[in-house]
C-alpha atoms as a PDB file:
ATOM      1  CA  MET A   1      33.150  71.173   9.433  1.00  0.00           C
ATOM      2  CA  SER A   2      29.816  69.819   8.226  1.00  0.00           C
ATOM      3  CA  SER A   3      26.703  71.945   8.589  1.00  0.00           C
ATOM      4  CA  SER A   4      25.079  69.051  10.414  1.00  0.00           C
ATOM      5  CA  GLN A   5      27.284  69.747  13.437  1.00  0.00           C
ATOM      6  CA  ARG A   6      24.952  71.300  15.973  1.00  0.00           C
ATOM      7  CA  LEU A   7      27.643  73.028  18.037  1.00  0.00           C
ATOM      8  CA  ALA A   8      30.013  74.156  15.267  1.00  0.00           C
ATOM      9  CA  GLY A   9      32.539  76.622  16.703  1.00  0.00           C
ATOM     10  CA  LYS A  10      30.789  76.923  20.073  1.00  0.00           C
ATOM     11  CA  VAL A  11      33.344  77.500  22.838  1.00  0.00           C
ATOM     12  CA  SER A  12      32.240  75.059  25.542  1.00  0.00           C
ATOM     13  CA  ILE A  13      33.588  74.629  29.067  1.00  0.00           C
ATOM     14  CA  ILE A  14      32.853  71.266  30.717  1.00  0.00           C
ATOM     15  CA  THR A  15      33.709  70.795  34.386  1.00  0.00           C
ATOM     16  CA  GLY A  16      34.430  67.289  35.614  1.00  0.00           C
ATOM     17  CA  GLY A  17      35.113  66.667  31.943  1.00  0.00           C
ATOM     18  CA  ALA A  18      37.711  63.917  32.271  1.00  0.00           C
ATOM     19  CA  GLN A  19      35.489  60.986  33.269  1.00  0.00           C
ATOM     20  CA  GLY A  20      31.955  59.648  33.363  1.00  0.00           C
ATOM     21  CA  ILE A  21      29.184  61.896  32.070  1.00  0.00           C
ATOM     22  CA  GLY A  22      31.597  64.821  31.725  1.00  0.00           C
ATOM     23  CA  LEU A  23      33.923  62.931  29.392  1.00  0.00           C
ATOM     24  CA  ALA A  24      31.003  61.576  27.360  1.00  0.00           C
ATOM     25  CA  THR A  25      29.741  65.154  27.054  1.00  0.00           C
ATOM     26  CA  ALA A  26      33.153  66.481  26.003  1.00  0.00           C
ATOM     27  CA  LEU A  27      33.350  63.811  23.297  1.00  0.00           C
ATOM     28  CA  LYS A  28      29.784  64.420  22.112  1.00  0.00           C
ATOM     29  CA  PHE A  29      30.434  68.169  21.917  1.00  0.00           C
ATOM     30  CA  SER A  30      33.654  67.420  20.013  1.00  0.00           C
ATOM     31  CA  ARG A  31      31.761  65.386  17.431  1.00  0.00           C
ATOM     32  CA  GLU A  32      29.205  68.191  17.145  1.00  0.00           C
ATOM     33  CA  GLY A  33      31.944  70.668  16.196  1.00  0.00           C
ATOM     34  CA  ALA A  34      32.430  72.510  19.488  1.00  0.00           C
ATOM     35  CA  ILE A  35      35.684  73.963  20.787  1.00  0.00           C
ATOM     36  CA  VAL A  36      35.959  72.001  24.023  1.00  0.00           C
ATOM     37  CA  VAL A  37      37.591  73.115  27.274  1.00  0.00           C
ATOM     38  CA  VAL A  38      37.984  70.122  29.593  1.00  0.00           C
ATOM     39  CA  CYS A  39      38.268  71.025  33.292  1.00  0.00           C
ATOM     40  CA  ASP A  40      38.999  68.444  35.968  1.00  0.00           C
ATOM     41  CA  ILE A  41      41.177  68.009  39.034  1.00  0.00           C
ATOM     42  CA  ARG A  42      43.826  65.564  37.758  1.00  0.00           C
ATOM     43  CA  GLN A  43      46.321  66.585  35.082  1.00  0.00           C
ATOM     44  CA  ALA A  44      46.769  63.091  33.629  1.00  0.00           C
ATOM     45  CA  ALA A  45      43.020  62.599  33.286  1.00  0.00           C
ATOM     46  CA  VAL A  46      42.617  66.036  31.699  1.00  0.00           C
ATOM     47  CA  ASP A  47      45.402  65.301  29.191  1.00  0.00           C
ATOM     48  CA  ALA A  48      43.843  61.960  28.251  1.00  0.00           C
ATOM     49  CA  ALA A  49      40.413  63.546  27.795  1.00  0.00           C
ATOM     50  CA  VAL A  50      41.820  66.347  25.629  1.00  0.00           C
ATOM     51  CA  ALA A  51      43.588  63.772  23.431  1.00  0.00           C
ATOM     52  CA  GLN A  52      40.291  61.895  22.968  1.00  0.00           C
ATOM     53  CA  CYS A  53      38.483  65.129  22.064  1.00  0.00           C
ATOM     54  CA  GLN A  54      41.167  65.937  19.510  1.00  0.00           C
ATOM     55  CA  GLU A  55      40.860  62.439  18.040  1.00  0.00           C
ATOM     56  CA  ALA A  56      37.136  63.129  17.710  1.00  0.00           C
ATOM     57  CA  GLY A  57      38.045  66.147  15.590  1.00  0.00           C
ATOM     58  CA  ALA A  58      37.726  68.977  18.070  1.00  0.00           C
ATOM     59  CA  LYS A  59      39.943  71.877  18.928  1.00  0.00           C
ATOM     60  CA  ALA A  60      40.347  71.079  22.629  1.00  0.00           C
ATOM     61  CA  LEU A  61      42.038  72.644  25.623  1.00  0.00           C
ATOM     62  CA  GLY A  62      42.577  71.192  29.097  1.00  0.00           C
ATOM     63  CA  ARG A  63      42.807  72.920  32.458  1.00  0.00           C
ATOM     64  CA  VAL A  64      43.284  71.540  35.948  1.00  0.00           C
ATOM     65  CA  VAL A  65      40.542  73.263  37.918  1.00  0.00           C
ATOM     66  CA  ASP A  66      39.168  72.639  41.387  1.00  0.00           C
ATOM     67  CA  VAL A  67      35.736  74.285  41.151  1.00  0.00           C
ATOM     68  CA  THR A  68      35.807  75.086  44.872  1.00  0.00           C
ATOM     69  CA  GLN A  69      38.796  77.399  44.288  1.00  0.00           C
ATOM     70  CA  ARG A  70      37.489  80.635  42.792  1.00  0.00           C
ATOM     71  CA  GLU A  71      40.933  81.846  41.664  1.00  0.00           C
ATOM     72  CA  MET A  72      41.401  78.676  39.588  1.00  0.00           C
ATOM     73  CA  VAL A  73      37.967  79.090  38.018  1.00  0.00           C
ATOM     74  CA  ASP A  74      38.558  82.774  37.214  1.00  0.00           C
ATOM     75  CA  ALA A  75      41.993  82.042  35.730  1.00  0.00           C
ATOM     76  CA  MET A  76      40.535  79.300  33.510  1.00  0.00           C
ATOM     77  CA  VAL A  77      37.707  81.550  32.287  1.00  0.00           C
ATOM     78  CA  GLN A  78      40.170  84.361  31.567  1.00  0.00           C
ATOM     79  CA  GLN A  79      42.402  81.994  29.582  1.00  0.00           C
ATOM     80  CA  VAL A  80      39.436  80.826  27.495  1.00  0.00           C
ATOM     81  CA  LEU A  81      38.392  84.415  26.802  1.00  0.00           C
ATOM     82  CA  ASN A  82      41.963  85.399  25.919  1.00  0.00           C
ATOM     83  CA  GLN A  83      42.322  82.465  23.549  1.00  0.00           C
ATOM     84  CA  PHE A  84      38.894  82.312  21.901  1.00  0.00           C
ATOM     85  CA  GLY A  85      37.297  85.688  22.630  1.00  0.00           C
ATOM     86  CA  ARG A  86      34.023  84.219  23.849  1.00  0.00           C
ATOM     87  CA  ILE A  87      32.293  81.522  25.919  1.00  0.00           C
ATOM     88  CA  ASP A  88      29.176  79.963  24.451  1.00  0.00           C
ATOM     89  CA  VAL A  89      28.430  77.039  26.744  1.00  0.00           C
ATOM     90  CA  LEU A  90      29.185  76.073  30.336  1.00  0.00           C
ATOM     91  CA  VAL A  91      28.329  72.546  31.484  1.00  0.00           C
ATOM     92  CA  ASN A  92      28.492  72.431  35.293  1.00  0.00           C
ATOM     93  CA  ASN A  93      29.071  68.694  35.500  1.00  0.00           C
ATOM     94  CA  ALA A  94      31.667  68.408  38.286  1.00  0.00           C
ATOM     95  CA  GLY A  95      30.214  66.707  41.331  1.00  0.00           C
ATOM     96  CA  ILE A  96      30.952  64.260  44.136  1.00  0.00           C
ATOM     97  CA  THR A  97      29.127  62.059  46.613  1.00  0.00           C
ATOM     98  CA  GLN A  98      29.962  61.363  50.256  1.00  0.00           C
ATOM     99  CA  ASP A  99      27.007  59.351  51.444  1.00  0.00           C
ATOM    100  CA  ALA A 100      25.829  58.719  55.002  1.00  0.00           C
ATOM    101  CA  ARG A 101      22.547  58.707  56.866  1.00  0.00           C
ATOM    102  CA  LEU A 102      21.627  61.934  58.652  1.00  0.00           C
ATOM    103  CA  GLN A 103      22.618  60.552  62.064  1.00  0.00           C
ATOM    104  CA  LYS A 104      26.011  59.348  60.835  1.00  0.00           C
ATOM    105  CA  MET A 105      27.036  62.115  58.423  1.00  0.00           C
ATOM    106  CA  THR A 106      30.119  64.080  59.466  1.00  0.00           C
ATOM    107  CA  ILE A 107      30.322  67.836  59.119  1.00  0.00           C
ATOM    108  CA  GLU A 108      33.262  67.255  56.750  1.00  0.00           C
ATOM    109  CA  GLN A 109      31.167  65.020  54.493  1.00  0.00           C
ATOM    110  CA  PHE A 110      28.386  67.587  54.464  1.00  0.00           C
ATOM    111  CA  ASP A 111      30.653  70.561  53.773  1.00  0.00           C
ATOM    112  CA  ARG A 112      32.699  68.858  51.055  1.00  0.00           C
ATOM    113  CA  VAL A 113      29.683  67.933  48.936  1.00  0.00           C
ATOM    114  CA  ILE A 114      28.104  71.369  49.383  1.00  0.00           C
ATOM    115  CA  ASP A 115      31.424  72.950  48.429  1.00  0.00           C
ATOM    116  CA  VAL A 116      31.881  71.040  45.160  1.00  0.00           C
ATOM    117  CA  ASN A 117      28.312  70.503  43.996  1.00  0.00           C
ATOM    118  CA  LEU A 118      26.734  73.809  44.990  1.00  0.00           C
ATOM    119  CA  ARG A 119      29.416  76.417  45.574  1.00  0.00           C
ATOM    120  CA  GLY A 120      31.384  75.078  42.579  1.00  0.00           C
ATOM    121  CA  VAL A 121      28.399  75.556  40.282  1.00  0.00           C
ATOM    122  CA  PHE A 122      27.968  79.095  41.623  1.00  0.00           C
ATOM    123  CA  HIS A 123      31.664  79.922  41.077  1.00  0.00           C
ATOM    124  CA  CYS A 124      31.740  78.693  37.488  1.00  0.00           C
ATOM    125  CA  SER A 125      28.448  80.275  36.502  1.00  0.00           C
ATOM    126  CA  GLN A 126      29.263  83.631  38.047  1.00  0.00           C
ATOM    127  CA  ALA A 127      32.685  83.548  36.383  1.00  0.00           C
ATOM    128  CA  VAL A 128      31.215  83.178  32.856  1.00  0.00           C
ATOM    129  CA  ALA A 129      28.029  85.229  33.259  1.00  0.00           C
ATOM    130  CA  ASP A 130      29.510  88.658  32.449  1.00  0.00           C
ATOM    131  CA  ALA A 131      31.087  87.400  29.221  1.00  0.00           C
ATOM    132  CA  MET A 132      27.859  85.715  28.107  1.00  0.00           C
ATOM    133  CA  VAL A 133      25.741  88.769  28.899  1.00  0.00           C
ATOM    134  CA  LYS A 134      28.220  91.019  27.087  1.00  0.00           C
ATOM    135  CA  GLN A 135      28.076  88.908  23.924  1.00  0.00           C
ATOM    136  CA  GLY A 136      24.279  88.635  24.228  1.00  0.00           C
ATOM    137  CA  SER A 137      24.206  84.849  24.072  1.00  0.00           C
ATOM    138  CA  GLY A 138      25.219  81.757  25.994  1.00  0.00           C
ATOM    139  CA  VAL A 139      23.995  78.585  27.601  1.00  0.00           C
ATOM    140  CA  ILE A 140      24.588  77.398  31.176  1.00  0.00           C
ATOM    141  CA  LEU A 141      23.724  73.745  31.838  1.00  0.00           C
ATOM    142  CA  ASN A 142      23.602  72.453  35.402  1.00  0.00           C
ATOM    143  CA  ALA A 143      23.840  68.854  36.582  1.00  0.00           C
ATOM    144  CA  SER A 144      20.987  68.127  38.951  1.00  0.00           C
ATOM    145  CA  SER A 145      19.725  64.570  39.581  1.00  0.00           C
ATOM    146  CA  VAL A 146      16.510  62.665  40.185  1.00  0.00           C
ATOM    147  CA  VAL A 147      17.833  62.665  43.763  1.00  0.00           C
ATOM    148  CA  GLY A 148      17.453  66.456  43.606  1.00  0.00           C
ATOM    149  CA  ILE A 149      13.754  66.063  42.854  1.00  0.00           C
ATOM    150  CA  TYR A 150      12.757  63.101  45.018  1.00  0.00           C
ATOM    151  CA  GLY A 151      15.525  62.794  47.633  1.00  0.00           C
ATOM    152  CA  ASN A 152      17.390  59.574  48.363  1.00  0.00           C
ATOM    153  CA  PHE A 153      18.248  57.522  51.434  1.00  0.00           C
ATOM    154  CA  GLY A 154      21.750  58.300  52.713  1.00  0.00           C
ATOM    155  CA  GLN A 155      22.231  61.374  50.535  1.00  0.00           C
ATOM    156  CA  THR A 156      21.311  64.367  52.695  1.00  0.00           C
ATOM    157  CA  ASN A 157      24.206  66.432  51.363  1.00  0.00           C
ATOM    158  CA  TYR A 158      23.983  65.317  47.719  1.00  0.00           C
ATOM    159  CA  ALA A 159      20.191  65.735  47.550  1.00  0.00           C
ATOM    160  CA  ALA A 160      20.452  69.219  49.056  1.00  0.00           C
ATOM    161  CA  THR A 161      22.994  70.271  46.429  1.00  0.00           C
ATOM    162  CA  LYS A 162      20.968  68.843  43.557  1.00  0.00           C
ATOM    163  CA  PHE A 163      17.787  70.523  44.826  1.00  0.00           C
ATOM    164  CA  GLY A 164      19.879  73.695  45.198  1.00  0.00           C
ATOM    165  CA  VAL A 165      21.110  73.513  41.613  1.00  0.00           C
ATOM    166  CA  ILE A 166      17.462  73.539  40.483  1.00  0.00           C
ATOM    167  CA  GLY A 167      17.031  76.738  42.509  1.00  0.00           C
ATOM    168  CA  PHE A 168      20.055  78.232  40.725  1.00  0.00           C
ATOM    169  CA  THR A 169      18.628  77.185  37.359  1.00  0.00           C
ATOM    170  CA  LYS A 170      15.197  78.719  37.926  1.00  0.00           C
ATOM    171  CA  THR A 171      16.677  81.938  39.306  1.00  0.00           C
ATOM    172  CA  TRP A 172      19.385  82.444  36.672  1.00  0.00           C
ATOM    173  CA  SER A 173      16.979  81.678  33.837  1.00  0.00           C
ATOM    174  CA  ARG A 174      14.943  84.691  35.019  1.00  0.00           C
ATOM    175  CA  GLU A 175      17.986  86.936  35.559  1.00  0.00           C
ATOM    176  CA  LEU A 176      19.942  86.032  32.429  1.00  0.00           C
ATOM    177  CA  GLY A 177      17.153  85.111  30.011  1.00  0.00           C
ATOM    178  CA  PRO A 178      16.442  88.742  29.089  1.00  0.00           C
ATOM    179  CA  LYS A 179      20.148  89.096  28.193  1.00  0.00           C
ATOM    180  CA  GLY A 180      20.033  86.193  25.725  1.00  0.00           C
ATOM    181  CA  VAL A 181      21.521  83.579  28.066  1.00  0.00           C
ATOM    182  CA  ARG A 182      19.609  80.327  28.603  1.00  0.00           C
ATOM    183  CA  VAL A 183      19.975  78.281  31.797  1.00  0.00           C
ATOM    184  CA  ASN A 184      18.702  74.711  32.131  1.00  0.00           C
ATOM    185  CA  ALA A 185      19.323  71.656  34.289  1.00  0.00           C
ATOM    186  CA  VAL A 186      19.509  67.960  33.503  1.00  0.00           C
ATOM    187  CA  ALA A 187      18.395  65.463  36.156  1.00  0.00           C
ATOM    188  CA  PRO A 188      19.911  62.056  35.356  1.00  0.00           C
ATOM    189  CA  GLY A 189      18.660  58.872  36.950  1.00  0.00           C
ATOM    190  CA  PHE A 190      20.988  55.951  37.617  1.00  0.00           C
ATOM    191  CA  VAL A 191      23.893  56.187  35.170  1.00  0.00           C
ATOM    192  CA  ALA A 192      26.677  53.625  34.768  1.00  0.00           C
ATOM    193  CA  THR A 193      29.718  55.761  35.686  1.00  0.00           C
ATOM    194  CA  PRO A 194      32.718  55.365  38.034  1.00  0.00           C
ATOM    195  CA  ILE A 195      30.555  56.867  40.834  1.00  0.00           C
ATOM    196  CA  LEU A 196      28.619  53.566  40.878  1.00  0.00           C
ATOM    197  CA  SER A 197      31.740  51.391  41.085  1.00  0.00           C
ATOM    198  CA  THR A 198      31.419  51.001  44.857  1.00  0.00           C
ATOM    199  CA  ILE A 199      27.822  49.739  44.683  1.00  0.00           C
ATOM    200  CA  PRO A 200      27.255  45.961  45.078  1.00  0.00           C
ATOM    201  CA  ASP A 201      25.882  44.048  42.068  1.00  0.00           C
ATOM    202  CA  LYS A 202      22.710  43.141  43.956  1.00  0.00           C
ATOM    203  CA  VAL A 203      21.930  46.813  44.561  1.00  0.00           C
ATOM    204  CA  LEU A 204      22.744  47.680  40.932  1.00  0.00           C
ATOM    205  CA  GLN A 205      20.252  45.016  39.853  1.00  0.00           C
ATOM    206  CA  GLU A 206      17.606  46.465  42.168  1.00  0.00           C
ATOM    207  CA  MET A 207      18.286  49.922  40.706  1.00  0.00           C
ATOM    208  CA  THR A 208      17.938  48.545  37.181  1.00  0.00           C
ATOM    209  CA  ASP A 209      14.684  46.805  38.074  1.00  0.00           C
ATOM    210  CA  ARG A 210      13.189  50.146  39.171  1.00  0.00           C
ATOM    211  CA  VAL A 211      13.668  51.615  35.675  1.00  0.00           C
ATOM    212  CA  PRO A 212      10.856  50.924  33.176  1.00  0.00           C
ATOM    213  CA  LEU A 213      13.439  50.724  30.374  1.00  0.00           C
ATOM    214  CA  LYS A 214      15.180  47.971  32.393  1.00  0.00           C
ATOM    215  CA  ARG A 215      18.690  49.338  32.052  1.00  0.00           C
ATOM    216  CA  LEU A 216      20.923  51.869  33.710  1.00  0.00           C
ATOM    217  CA  GLY A 217      21.622  55.044  31.790  1.00  0.00           C
ATOM    218  CA  GLN A 218      24.841  55.330  29.819  1.00  0.00           C
ATOM    219  CA  PRO A 219      26.932  58.511  30.045  1.00  0.00           C
ATOM    220  CA  GLU A 220      26.110  59.092  26.361  1.00  0.00           C
ATOM    221  CA  ASP A 221      22.389  59.233  27.176  1.00  0.00           C
ATOM    222  CA  ILE A 222      23.054  62.314  29.293  1.00  0.00           C
ATOM    223  CA  ALA A 223      25.669  63.792  26.940  1.00  0.00           C
ATOM    224  CA  ASN A 224      23.139  63.712  24.085  1.00  0.00           C
ATOM    225  CA  VAL A 225      20.711  65.793  26.143  1.00  0.00           C
ATOM    226  CA  TYR A 226      23.393  68.339  27.055  1.00  0.00           C
ATOM    227  CA  ALA A 227      24.292  68.652  23.364  1.00  0.00           C
ATOM    228  CA  PHE A 228      20.646  69.225  22.446  1.00  0.00           C
ATOM    229  CA  LEU A 229      20.160  71.832  25.192  1.00  0.00           C
ATOM    230  CA  ALA A 230      23.359  73.624  24.158  1.00  0.00           C
ATOM    231  CA  SER A 231      22.239  73.803  20.531  1.00  0.00           C
ATOM    232  CA  GLU A 232      19.960  76.202  18.675  1.00  0.00           C
ATOM    233  CA  GLU A 233      17.381  73.403  18.525  1.00  0.00           C
ATOM    234  CA  ALA A 234      16.687  74.208  22.194  1.00  0.00           C
ATOM    235  CA  ALA A 235      16.523  77.972  21.602  1.00  0.00           C
ATOM    236  CA  TYR A 236      13.212  78.341  23.462  1.00  0.00           C
ATOM    237  CA  ILE A 237      14.040  76.085  26.405  1.00  0.00           C
ATOM    238  CA  ASN A 238      14.970  78.118  29.482  1.00  0.00           C
ATOM    239  CA  GLY A 239      14.620  77.385  33.193  1.00  0.00           C
ATOM    240  CA  ALA A 240      13.780  73.739  32.520  1.00  0.00           C
ATOM    241  CA  VAL A 241      14.798  70.672  34.508  1.00  0.00           C
ATOM    242  CA  LEU A 242      14.923  67.730  32.116  1.00  0.00           C
ATOM    243  CA  GLU A 243      14.713  64.348  33.770  1.00  0.00           C
ATOM    244  CA  VAL A 244      16.727  61.678  31.936  1.00  0.00           C
ATOM    245  CA  SER A 245      16.057  58.571  33.951  1.00  0.00           C
ATOM    246  CA  GLY A 246      14.458  55.921  31.760  1.00  0.00           C
ATOM    247  CA  GLY A 247      11.205  56.662  33.568  1.00  0.00           C
ATOM    248  CA  MET A 248      12.382  55.439  36.980  1.00  0.00           C
ATOM    249  CA  THR A 249      10.263  58.042  38.815  1.00  0.00           C
ATOM    250  CA  VAL A 250       7.031  57.433  36.897  1.00  0.00           C
END
C-alpha cells in the first residue's frame, strides 16, 4: 500500500455502486487504497463490481441493498461494522429518475423517486451516523445535481429530491461537524452514464453544447471529486455543495 493512496484503509460504503458514477467511484476508491463496500440492487451487477474493485487492488465486499428498505440498510451497516470495526466513508450515490411534466406525473412516479433519492439517503446516513460519531470521524457524501440547484423541465420529483439532499447536507454538517464527521454534496452536471441511454442523440448534442467545456462529464470526473472530498485533503470542507458540471450553469 503506497503512502500516495489518499484513502488507504478507509472503510467506504458506496450505494448504487455497481454502475455509472457509483462504479467509477468504487474503482477510484479501490485505487486509492480504500476498503470498498459495493451496494446495489442486483446481485450479478454487485458481484461484477466487486470483482473489478478486487482487480484494482482493493479489499472489496458486495451487498444487495435496496436503500428504501431500512432493514436491508441496517443489516448491511451491521455486517460492515462486524467485519471491519468501523465505517469511514458513506457515498450516497444510489438514485433514479422517472421523468414527467407536472401535469402528467403519476403519484407512483413521484413517490418512487422520493423514496429512493431522498428517503434512501436518509436511511443510509442515519444508519452509519452513530458509528461515525462514536469513532469521532467520518465522511458522508451526498449525490445532488445541478438539477437540484436550478431545476429542470420534466423533473419535478428528481429536482425536489436533489434540492432536498442539499438540505440534508447543510443540516447534517451542522449536527455532525462538532463530532468530527464531515458532510458534503456533489452536484454533477450532464454525465455520460446509463441514465442517459434513453436520450436521443440530438438532445445529447444540445446538452453538450450548453457546457463551456464542450463535452459531457465522465463518471470518473465525479468519482475524482468524491475521492478528494473523502480524503484528508478536504479536512476543512464541510456543508459544501460542489458543482461538477463543466461550467454549464455559468
